[in-house]
Structure formats: structure tokens, C-alpha cells
Amino acid sequence: TNNDVPEKLLEILKDKPNAGCAVTGCFNYFKQLRIDEALIDGGNYNLYHSFDNSKLSSQNLVIDGQTLKNLELLENNFDGSTQNTLLGLLDHCMTSFGKRLLRRWIVQPLSSIEAIKKRSDAVIELSNTIDLIELIVKGFSKLPDMERLVSRIHMSCHVSVHHPN
């Protein structure tokens, strides 16, 4: 019943009847397992989006986790390493943000032929200019991981705004 679901959570889900039904089912299951109180006590509820719609365009495919596992795109099923995977084959990235971008490109591949051709042309053009690649690698290797730094700043601002002290 909806009586078991916190009011704040029901308010968030009011325009999403299927999600509300699923959450109610989950809370009933949690109650059977006797873990409902531990989960409800936090009271910090937000909608979760399984992928970032703002970064995902209609030109990308969405591959579910089981398919990623079965295709062994990121890690193999033998020992969990990247050996003999698409990521292991392609990953020659020199920076953390390059590695993250490559992972995103693998799990959200392009579906538009035009976008695929543009990316392919860019790779071919870069491959033909070894001097430029060396210059880029040298410059990028000195850069801090700005994506991670901005994320930390964002999280610290978010925590300080919502922290009771």
C-alpha cells in the first residue's frame, strides 16, 4: 500500500504512476525483509536517471548492463580485466578524462551514420598528423583532471548547502 511509502517520495513520483507503483512494491518487499525502517530513515529522496539525457542524443544507442557484460566491451567475464575486450584494444588514452570519454563512447555508441563518419574522419585526420598527436599528448598530460575537480567542487557546494551545520 502507499501508506508504507514516505510522503516526500510519493510527491516526487506523483506524475509517474508506473514508477510510483514500482516503488510501492519495493517498499512492501523491504518491509517483508524488515529493512524498510533503515531505508526510510534517511529521508533524502531524489529521482535517479539511469543515463544523463542532456549528454545522450538521439544519435547514441543505449546498451543495457547485461548486454555490456555479455559482449565483454569493458571487462572480460573470465577475470574482470580489460584483456581481450574492446576497451582493452582501444584504450591508449593518456589522461583520466580521456579514459572516461572512451568508456562513454563504448557504452553509448553512435547510431547516426553521419556522426559515425564525422568521428571516423576526425580519427583518420589525427592519425595522419603524428606531430600534432605528440603535441596534444604532451600538452594534455600536464593538465589536471578538470572534470573530476569540477565534480568535487559541485559536490562540496551541494553538501554545504544541505548540511545542517
N, C-alpha and C. Protein backbone atom coordinates (compact mmCIF):
# COMPACT_ATOMS: atom_id res chain seq x y z
N THR A 1 0.84 -1.19 0.00
CA THR A 1 0.00 0.00 0.00
C THR A 1 0.87 1.24 0.00
N ASN A 2 0.30 2.35 -0.42
CA ASN A 2 1.03 3.62 -0.43
C ASN A 2 1.31 4.15 0.95
N ASN A 3 0.63 3.62 1.99
CA ASN A 3 0.85 4.09 3.35
C ASN A 3 2.28 3.83 3.82
N ASP A 4 2.95 2.82 3.25
CA ASP A 4 4.30 2.47 3.65
C ASP A 4 5.36 3.37 3.01
N VAL A 5 4.99 4.08 1.96
CA VAL A 5 5.94 4.91 1.21
C VAL A 5 5.92 6.32 1.79
N PRO A 6 7.09 6.89 2.08
CA PRO A 6 7.15 8.26 2.63
C PRO A 6 6.45 9.27 1.72
N GLU A 7 5.77 10.21 2.33
CA GLU A 7 5.01 11.23 1.61
C GLU A 7 5.90 12.02 0.64
N LYS A 8 7.12 12.35 1.08
CA LYS A 8 8.03 13.12 0.22
C LYS A 8 8.33 12.35 -1.07
N LEU A 9 8.50 11.06 -0.96
CA LEU A 9 8.79 10.23 -2.12
C LEU A 9 7.57 10.13 -3.04
N LEU A 10 6.39 10.01 -2.45
CA LEU A 10 5.17 9.97 -3.26
C LEU A 10 4.97 11.28 -4.01
N GLU A 11 5.34 12.38 -3.40
CA GLU A 11 5.22 13.69 -4.05
C GLU A 11 6.13 13.76 -5.28
N ILE A 12 7.35 13.25 -5.16
CA ILE A 12 8.29 13.23 -6.29
C ILE A 12 7.74 12.39 -7.43
N LEU A 13 7.06 11.30 -7.10
CA LEU A 13 6.59 10.34 -8.10
C LEU A 13 5.15 10.56 -8.55
N LYS A 14 4.51 11.65 -8.13
CA LYS A 14 3.08 11.82 -8.39
C LYS A 14 2.73 11.80 -9.88
N ASP A 15 3.62 12.28 -10.76
CA ASP A 15 3.34 12.29 -12.19
C ASP A 15 3.90 11.06 -12.91
N LYS A 16 4.35 10.10 -12.13
CA LYS A 16 4.95 8.90 -12.70
C LYS A 16 4.29 7.66 -12.09
N PRO A 17 3.08 7.33 -12.57
CA PRO A 17 2.33 6.25 -11.93
C PRO A 17 3.04 4.90 -11.96
N ASN A 18 3.74 4.58 -13.04
CA ASN A 18 4.44 3.30 -13.10
C ASN A 18 5.58 3.25 -12.09
N ALA A 19 6.32 4.35 -11.98
CA ALA A 19 7.41 4.40 -11.02
C ALA A 19 6.86 4.34 -9.60
N GLY A 20 5.75 5.04 -9.35
CA GLY A 20 5.13 5.01 -8.03
C GLY A 20 4.70 3.61 -7.64
N CYS A 21 4.15 2.89 -8.60
CA CYS A 21 3.73 1.51 -8.36
C CYS A 21 4.95 0.64 -8.05
N ALA A 22 6.02 0.82 -8.81
CA ALA A 22 7.24 0.03 -8.59
C ALA A 22 7.85 0.34 -7.23
N VAL A 23 7.88 1.61 -6.85
CA VAL A 23 8.45 2.00 -5.56
C VAL A 23 7.62 1.42 -4.42
N THR A 24 6.30 1.47 -4.56
CA THR A 24 5.43 0.90 -3.54
C THR A 24 5.72 -0.59 -3.39
N GLY A 25 5.87 -1.29 -4.50
CA GLY A 25 6.21 -2.70 -4.46
C GLY A 25 7.55 -2.95 -3.78
N CYS A 26 8.53 -2.10 -4.07
CA CYS A 26 9.84 -2.23 -3.43
C CYS A 26 9.74 -2.02 -1.92
N PHE A 27 9.00 -0.99 -1.52
CA PHE A 27 8.87 -0.72 -0.09
C PHE A 27 8.15 -1.86 0.63
N ASN A 28 7.16 -2.45 -0.01
CA ASN A 28 6.49 -3.61 0.59
C ASN A 28 7.48 -4.77 0.73
N TYR A 29 8.31 -4.97 -0.26
CA TYR A 29 9.32 -6.02 -0.20
C TYR A 29 10.33 -5.74 0.91
N PHE A 30 10.76 -4.47 1.00
CA PHE A 30 11.69 -4.08 2.07
C PHE A 30 11.08 -4.34 3.44
N LYS A 31 9.79 -4.09 3.54
CA LYS A 31 9.09 -4.32 4.81
C LYS A 31 9.11 -5.81 5.16
N GLN A 32 8.90 -6.66 4.17
CA GLN A 32 8.95 -8.11 4.40
C GLN A 32 10.35 -8.53 4.87
N LEU A 33 11.37 -7.89 4.33
CA LEU A 33 12.75 -8.20 4.71
C LEU A 33 13.15 -7.53 6.02
N ARG A 34 12.28 -6.68 6.52
CA ARG A 34 12.50 -5.91 7.75
C ARG A 34 13.68 -4.94 7.63
N ILE A 35 13.83 -4.37 6.45
CA ILE A 35 14.88 -3.35 6.27
C ILE A 35 14.26 -2.01 5.87
N ASP A 36 12.95 -1.93 5.90
CA ASP A 36 12.27 -0.72 5.46
C ASP A 36 12.60 0.49 6.32
N GLU A 37 12.67 0.31 7.64
CA GLU A 37 12.94 1.44 8.53
C GLU A 37 14.33 2.01 8.29
N ALA A 38 15.29 1.15 8.07
CA ALA A 38 16.66 1.62 7.81
C ALA A 38 16.73 2.44 6.53
N LEU A 39 15.92 2.07 5.54
CA LEU A 39 15.93 2.79 4.27
C LEU A 39 15.12 4.07 4.33
N ILE A 40 14.05 4.06 5.09
CA ILE A 40 13.16 5.22 5.17
C ILE A 40 13.76 6.32 6.03
N ASP A 41 14.53 5.96 7.04
CA ASP A 41 15.05 6.95 8.00
C ASP A 41 15.82 8.08 7.34
N GLY A 42 16.57 7.80 6.26
CA GLY A 42 17.37 8.84 5.61
C GLY A 42 16.53 10.01 5.13
N GLY A 43 15.43 9.73 4.48
CA GLY A 43 14.52 10.78 4.01
C GLY A 43 15.07 11.62 2.88
N ASN A 44 16.21 11.25 2.30
CA ASN A 44 16.80 12.01 1.21
C ASN A 44 16.47 11.30 -0.09
N TYR A 45 15.40 11.71 -0.76
CA TYR A 45 14.94 11.04 -1.96
C TYR A 45 15.08 11.97 -3.16
N ASN A 46 15.61 11.43 -4.23
CA ASN A 46 15.73 12.16 -5.48
C ASN A 46 15.44 11.20 -6.62
N LEU A 47 14.99 11.73 -7.75
CA LEU A 47 14.80 10.89 -8.92
C LEU A 47 16.16 10.47 -9.44
N TYR A 48 16.27 9.23 -9.85
CA TYR A 48 17.51 8.71 -10.43
C TYR A 48 17.27 8.50 -11.91
N HIS A 49 18.18 9.02 -12.72
CA HIS A 49 18.12 8.80 -14.16
C HIS A 49 19.24 7.85 -14.52
N SER A 50 18.91 6.75 -15.17
CA SER A 50 19.91 5.73 -15.45
C SER A 50 20.97 6.20 -16.43
N PHE A 51 20.70 7.23 -17.19
CA PHE A 51 21.71 7.86 -18.02
C PHE A 51 21.38 9.33 -18.12
N ASP A 52 22.39 10.13 -18.41
CA ASP A 52 22.24 11.58 -18.46
C ASP A 52 21.63 11.98 -19.80
N ASN A 53 20.34 12.34 -19.78
CA ASN A 53 19.66 12.70 -21.02
C ASN A 53 20.27 13.92 -21.69
N SER A 54 20.87 14.82 -20.91
CA SER A 54 21.44 16.02 -21.51
C SER A 54 22.67 15.71 -22.35
N LYS A 55 23.38 14.62 -22.00
CA LYS A 55 24.59 14.25 -22.75
C LYS A 55 24.31 13.21 -23.82
N LEU A 56 23.17 12.57 -23.72
CA LEU A 56 22.84 11.49 -24.65
C LEU A 56 21.90 12.04 -25.71
N SER A 57 22.31 11.95 -26.94
CA SER A 57 21.47 12.48 -28.01
C SER A 57 20.77 11.33 -28.72
N SER A 58 19.94 11.70 -29.67
CA SER A 58 19.25 10.68 -30.45
C SER A 58 20.22 9.94 -31.36
N GLN A 59 21.47 10.40 -31.41
CA GLN A 59 22.49 9.76 -32.24
C GLN A 59 23.22 8.65 -31.50
N ASN A 60 22.84 8.38 -30.25
CA ASN A 60 23.51 7.36 -29.45
C ASN A 60 22.58 6.18 -29.17
N LEU A 61 23.18 5.01 -29.09
CA LEU A 61 22.46 3.82 -28.65
C LEU A 61 22.57 3.71 -27.14
N VAL A 62 21.58 3.11 -26.53
CA VAL A 62 21.65 2.82 -25.10
C VAL A 62 21.81 1.31 -24.98
N ILE A 63 22.90 0.87 -24.37
CA ILE A 63 23.17 -0.56 -24.20
C ILE A 63 22.98 -0.88 -22.72
N ASP A 64 22.13 -1.85 -22.43
CA ASP A 64 21.88 -2.20 -21.03
C ASP A 64 23.06 -2.96 -20.45
N GLY A 65 23.12 -3.04 -19.13
CA GLY A 65 24.23 -3.64 -18.41
C GLY A 65 24.48 -5.09 -18.77
N GLN A 66 23.42 -5.87 -18.92
CA GLN A 66 23.60 -7.29 -19.24
C GLN A 66 24.23 -7.46 -20.62
N THR A 67 23.83 -6.64 -21.57
CA THR A 67 24.41 -6.70 -22.91
C THR A 67 25.87 -6.29 -22.87
N LEU A 68 26.18 -5.24 -22.10
CA LEU A 68 27.58 -4.82 -21.96
C LEU A 68 28.42 -5.96 -21.40
N LYS A 69 27.86 -6.67 -20.43
CA LYS A 69 28.59 -7.79 -19.82
C LYS A 69 28.77 -8.92 -20.82
N ASN A 70 27.69 -9.28 -21.53
CA ASN A 70 27.76 -10.39 -22.48
C ASN A 70 28.70 -10.11 -23.64
N LEU A 71 28.74 -8.87 -24.10
CA LEU A 71 29.63 -8.50 -25.20
C LEU A 71 31.08 -8.30 -24.74
N GLU A 72 31.27 -8.25 -23.42
CA GLU A 72 32.60 -8.03 -22.83
C GLU A 72 33.27 -6.79 -23.43
N LEU A 73 32.51 -5.69 -23.47
CA LEU A 73 33.04 -4.45 -24.02
C LEU A 73 34.03 -3.77 -23.09
N LEU A 74 33.74 -3.79 -21.78
CA LEU A 74 34.58 -3.10 -20.81
C LEU A 74 35.45 -4.03 -19.98
N GLU A 75 34.95 -5.20 -19.64
CA GLU A 75 35.73 -6.16 -18.87
C GLU A 75 35.34 -7.56 -19.30
N ASN A 76 36.31 -8.47 -19.22
CA ASN A 76 36.02 -9.84 -19.65
C ASN A 76 35.34 -10.61 -18.53
N ASN A 77 34.65 -11.67 -18.90
CA ASN A 77 33.91 -12.47 -17.93
C ASN A 77 34.80 -13.48 -17.21
N PHE A 78 36.05 -13.62 -17.67
CA PHE A 78 36.97 -14.59 -17.06
C PHE A 78 37.54 -14.07 -15.75
N ASP A 79 38.19 -12.88 -15.80
CA ASP A 79 38.82 -12.36 -14.59
C ASP A 79 38.47 -10.89 -14.31
N GLY A 80 37.56 -10.31 -15.10
CA GLY A 80 37.13 -8.94 -14.86
C GLY A 80 38.11 -7.88 -15.35
N SER A 81 39.18 -8.29 -16.02
CA SER A 81 40.14 -7.33 -16.53
C SER A 81 39.69 -6.81 -17.91
N THR A 82 40.45 -5.89 -18.47
CA THR A 82 40.12 -5.36 -19.79
C THR A 82 40.80 -6.16 -20.91
N GLN A 83 41.54 -7.20 -20.54
CA GLN A 83 42.22 -8.02 -21.55
C GLN A 83 41.18 -8.68 -22.46
N ASN A 84 41.42 -8.62 -23.77
CA ASN A 84 40.53 -9.20 -24.78
C ASN A 84 39.15 -8.55 -24.80
N THR A 85 39.09 -7.25 -24.50
CA THR A 85 37.84 -6.51 -24.59
C THR A 85 38.02 -5.35 -25.56
N LEU A 86 36.92 -4.75 -25.98
CA LEU A 86 37.01 -3.59 -26.87
C LEU A 86 37.75 -2.45 -26.17
N LEU A 87 37.45 -2.23 -24.89
CA LEU A 87 38.14 -1.18 -24.14
C LEU A 87 39.65 -1.46 -24.09
N GLY A 88 40.03 -2.69 -23.82
CA GLY A 88 41.44 -3.04 -23.76
C GLY A 88 42.15 -2.83 -25.09
N LEU A 89 41.45 -3.07 -26.18
CA LEU A 89 42.02 -2.89 -27.51
C LEU A 89 42.19 -1.42 -27.87
N LEU A 90 41.19 -0.61 -27.52
CA LEU A 90 41.18 0.80 -27.95
C LEU A 90 41.85 1.76 -26.97
N ASP A 91 41.98 1.39 -25.72
CA ASP A 91 42.42 2.35 -24.70
C ASP A 91 43.92 2.61 -24.74
N HIS A 92 44.26 3.70 -25.41
CA HIS A 92 45.62 4.22 -25.40
C HIS A 92 45.60 5.64 -24.85
N CYS A 93 44.57 5.94 -24.06
CA CYS A 93 44.37 7.28 -23.52
C CYS A 93 45.46 7.61 -22.51
N MET A 94 45.86 8.86 -22.50
CA MET A 94 46.92 9.32 -21.61
C MET A 94 46.38 10.06 -20.39
N THR A 95 45.12 10.38 -20.39
CA THR A 95 44.54 11.14 -19.28
C THR A 95 43.31 10.43 -18.73
N SER A 96 42.97 10.74 -17.49
CA SER A 96 41.78 10.15 -16.86
C SER A 96 40.52 10.56 -17.60
N PHE A 97 40.45 11.84 -18.00
CA PHE A 97 39.23 12.28 -18.67
C PHE A 97 39.12 11.67 -20.06
N GLY A 98 40.23 11.38 -20.71
CA GLY A 98 40.19 10.67 -21.99
C GLY A 98 39.69 9.25 -21.82
N LYS A 99 40.15 8.59 -20.75
CA LYS A 99 39.70 7.23 -20.46
C LYS A 99 38.19 7.20 -20.19
N ARG A 100 37.69 8.19 -19.44
CA ARG A 100 36.25 8.24 -19.15
C ARG A 100 35.45 8.49 -20.43
N LEU A 101 35.95 9.38 -21.28
CA LEU A 101 35.26 9.67 -22.54
C LEU A 101 35.21 8.42 -23.42
N LEU A 102 36.31 7.70 -23.51
CA LEU A 102 36.33 6.47 -24.31
C LEU A 102 35.31 5.46 -23.78
N ARG A 103 35.26 5.30 -22.47
CA ARG A 103 34.28 4.38 -21.87
C ARG A 103 32.85 4.80 -22.24
N ARG A 104 32.58 6.12 -22.18
CA ARG A 104 31.25 6.62 -22.54
C ARG A 104 30.94 6.32 -24.01
N TRP A 105 31.94 6.51 -24.87
CA TRP A 105 31.74 6.26 -26.29
C TRP A 105 31.47 4.77 -26.54
N ILE A 106 32.09 3.90 -25.76
CA ILE A 106 31.89 2.47 -25.94
C ILE A 106 30.50 2.05 -25.45
N VAL A 107 30.07 2.56 -24.30
CA VAL A 107 28.78 2.13 -23.75
C VAL A 107 27.60 2.89 -24.36
N GLN A 108 27.87 4.01 -25.02
CA GLN A 108 26.82 4.77 -25.70
C GLN A 108 27.27 5.05 -27.13
N PRO A 109 27.40 4.01 -27.96
CA PRO A 109 27.94 4.19 -29.31
C PRO A 109 27.01 5.02 -30.20
N LEU A 110 27.62 5.64 -31.18
CA LEU A 110 26.86 6.43 -32.13
C LEU A 110 25.98 5.51 -32.97
N SER A 111 24.80 6.01 -33.32
CA SER A 111 23.90 5.25 -34.19
C SER A 111 23.67 5.96 -35.52
N SER A 112 23.99 7.23 -35.57
CA SER A 112 23.81 8.02 -36.78
C SER A 112 25.00 7.80 -37.72
N ILE A 113 24.71 7.42 -38.95
CA ILE A 113 25.78 7.18 -39.92
C ILE A 113 26.60 8.45 -40.13
N GLU A 114 25.93 9.59 -40.18
CA GLU A 114 26.63 10.87 -40.37
C GLU A 114 27.60 11.14 -39.22
N ALA A 115 27.16 10.92 -37.98
CA ALA A 115 28.01 11.15 -36.81
C ALA A 115 29.19 10.17 -36.80
N ILE A 116 28.93 8.92 -37.18
CA ILE A 116 30.00 7.91 -37.23
C ILE A 116 31.04 8.32 -38.26
N LYS A 117 30.60 8.78 -39.44
CA LYS A 117 31.53 9.21 -40.49
C LYS A 117 32.36 10.41 -40.03
N LYS A 118 31.72 11.37 -39.32
CA LYS A 118 32.45 12.54 -38.83
C LYS A 118 33.54 12.12 -37.83
N ARG A 119 33.18 11.23 -36.91
CA ARG A 119 34.16 10.78 -35.92
C ARG A 119 35.28 10.01 -36.60
N SER A 120 34.94 9.16 -37.54
CA SER A 120 35.93 8.38 -38.28
C SER A 120 36.87 9.30 -39.06
N ASP A 121 36.33 10.31 -39.72
CA ASP A 121 37.15 11.27 -40.46
C ASP A 121 38.11 12.00 -39.53
N ALA A 122 37.63 12.36 -38.34
CA ALA A 122 38.49 13.05 -37.37
C ALA A 122 39.63 12.15 -36.92
N VAL A 123 39.34 10.87 -36.69
CA VAL A 123 40.37 9.92 -36.28
C VAL A 123 41.40 9.75 -37.38
N ILE A 124 40.95 9.62 -38.62
CA ILE A 124 41.87 9.46 -39.76
C ILE A 124 42.74 10.70 -39.90
N GLU A 125 42.13 11.87 -39.77
CA GLU A 125 42.89 13.13 -39.89
C GLU A 125 43.96 13.23 -38.80
N LEU A 126 43.59 12.89 -37.57
CA LEU A 126 44.57 12.91 -36.48
C LEU A 126 45.67 11.87 -36.69
N SER A 127 45.29 10.71 -37.19
CA SER A 127 46.26 9.63 -37.41
C SER A 127 47.31 10.02 -38.44
N ASN A 128 46.96 10.90 -39.35
CA ASN A 128 47.89 11.32 -40.40
C ASN A 128 48.81 12.45 -39.96
N THR A 129 48.65 12.95 -38.76
CA THR A 129 49.47 14.08 -38.28
C THR A 129 50.14 13.69 -36.96
N ILE A 130 51.19 12.88 -37.05
CA ILE A 130 51.89 12.37 -35.87
C ILE A 130 52.43 13.51 -35.01
N ASP A 131 52.95 14.58 -35.65
CA ASP A 131 53.48 15.71 -34.89
C ASP A 131 52.41 16.35 -34.02
N LEU A 132 51.21 16.47 -34.57
CA LEU A 132 50.10 17.06 -33.82
C LEU A 132 49.71 16.15 -32.65
N ILE A 133 49.69 14.85 -32.88
CA ILE A 133 49.35 13.91 -31.80
C ILE A 133 50.35 14.02 -30.66
N GLU A 134 51.64 14.08 -31.00
CA GLU A 134 52.68 14.21 -29.96
C GLU A 134 52.51 15.50 -29.18
N LEU A 135 52.19 16.58 -29.87
CA LEU A 135 51.97 17.87 -29.21
C LEU A 135 50.74 17.81 -28.28
N ILE A 136 49.68 17.19 -28.75
CA ILE A 136 48.46 17.06 -27.94
C ILE A 136 48.73 16.20 -26.71
N VAL A 137 49.41 15.07 -26.89
CA VAL A 137 49.71 14.17 -25.77
C VAL A 137 50.57 14.90 -24.74
N LYS A 138 51.58 15.63 -25.21
CA LYS A 138 52.47 16.37 -24.30
C LYS A 138 51.69 17.43 -23.52
N GLY A 139 50.81 18.15 -24.21
CA GLY A 139 50.02 19.19 -23.55
C GLY A 139 48.98 18.64 -22.60
N PHE A 140 48.27 17.61 -23.02
CA PHE A 140 47.20 17.04 -22.20
C PHE A 140 47.74 16.33 -20.97
N SER A 141 48.93 15.75 -21.07
CA SER A 141 49.47 15.01 -19.93
C SER A 141 49.77 15.93 -18.75
N LYS A 142 49.90 17.22 -19.01
CA LYS A 142 50.18 18.20 -17.94
C LYS A 142 48.90 18.77 -17.33
N LEU A 143 47.77 18.53 -17.97
CA LEU A 143 46.52 19.10 -17.49
C LEU A 143 46.00 18.35 -16.27
N PRO A 144 45.43 19.08 -15.32
CA PRO A 144 44.76 18.40 -14.20
C PRO A 144 43.45 17.82 -14.70
N ASP A 145 42.89 16.92 -13.95
CA ASP A 145 41.63 16.29 -14.30
C ASP A 145 40.50 17.26 -13.96
N MET A 146 40.22 18.17 -14.88
CA MET A 146 39.25 19.24 -14.63
C MET A 146 37.84 18.69 -14.38
N GLU A 147 37.47 17.66 -15.09
CA GLU A 147 36.14 17.08 -14.90
C GLU A 147 35.97 16.60 -13.46
N ARG A 148 36.98 15.95 -12.93
CA ARG A 148 36.93 15.44 -11.55
C ARG A 148 36.95 16.61 -10.56
N LEU A 149 37.78 17.63 -10.82
CA LEU A 149 37.85 18.78 -9.92
C LEU A 149 36.52 19.53 -9.87
N VAL A 150 35.91 19.74 -11.02
CA VAL A 150 34.62 20.43 -11.07
C VAL A 150 33.57 19.61 -10.34
N SER A 151 33.62 18.29 -10.51
CA SER A 151 32.68 17.41 -9.83
C SER A 151 32.83 17.52 -8.31
N ARG A 152 34.08 17.56 -7.83
CA ARG A 152 34.32 17.69 -6.38
C ARG A 152 33.81 19.03 -5.86
N ILE A 153 34.06 20.10 -6.62
CA ILE A 153 33.59 21.43 -6.22
C ILE A 153 32.07 21.43 -6.16
N HIS A 154 31.45 20.85 -7.18
CA HIS A 154 29.98 20.79 -7.21
C HIS A 154 29.44 20.03 -6.01
N MET A 155 30.06 18.89 -5.71
CA MET A 155 29.60 18.08 -4.58
C MET A 155 29.81 18.81 -3.25
N SER A 156 30.93 19.50 -3.10
CA SER A 156 31.17 20.20 -1.83
C SER A 156 30.19 21.35 -1.66
N CYS A 157 29.85 22.02 -2.76
CA CYS A 157 28.85 23.09 -2.67
C CYS A 157 27.48 22.51 -2.34
N HIS A 158 27.15 21.38 -2.96
CA HIS A 158 25.86 20.74 -2.72
C HIS A 158 25.75 20.27 -1.27
N VAL A 159 26.82 19.70 -0.74
CA VAL A 159 26.81 19.22 0.65
C VAL A 159 26.72 20.38 1.61
N SER A 160 27.50 21.46 1.36
CA SER A 160 27.48 22.58 2.30
C SER A 160 26.14 23.30 2.32
N VAL A 161 25.44 23.34 1.20
CA VAL A 161 24.13 23.98 1.14
C VAL A 161 23.11 23.15 1.93
N HIS A 162 23.21 21.83 1.87
CA HIS A 162 22.23 20.97 2.51
C HIS A 162 22.67 20.46 3.87
N HIS A 163 23.88 20.79 4.29
CA HIS A 163 24.37 20.31 5.58
C HIS A 163 23.76 21.15 6.70
N PRO A 164 23.33 20.52 7.79
CA PRO A 164 22.66 21.27 8.86
C PRO A 164 23.59 22.23 9.61
N ASN A 165 24.90 22.01 9.57
CA ASN A 165 25.83 22.89 10.30
C ASN A 165 26.23 24.00 9.42
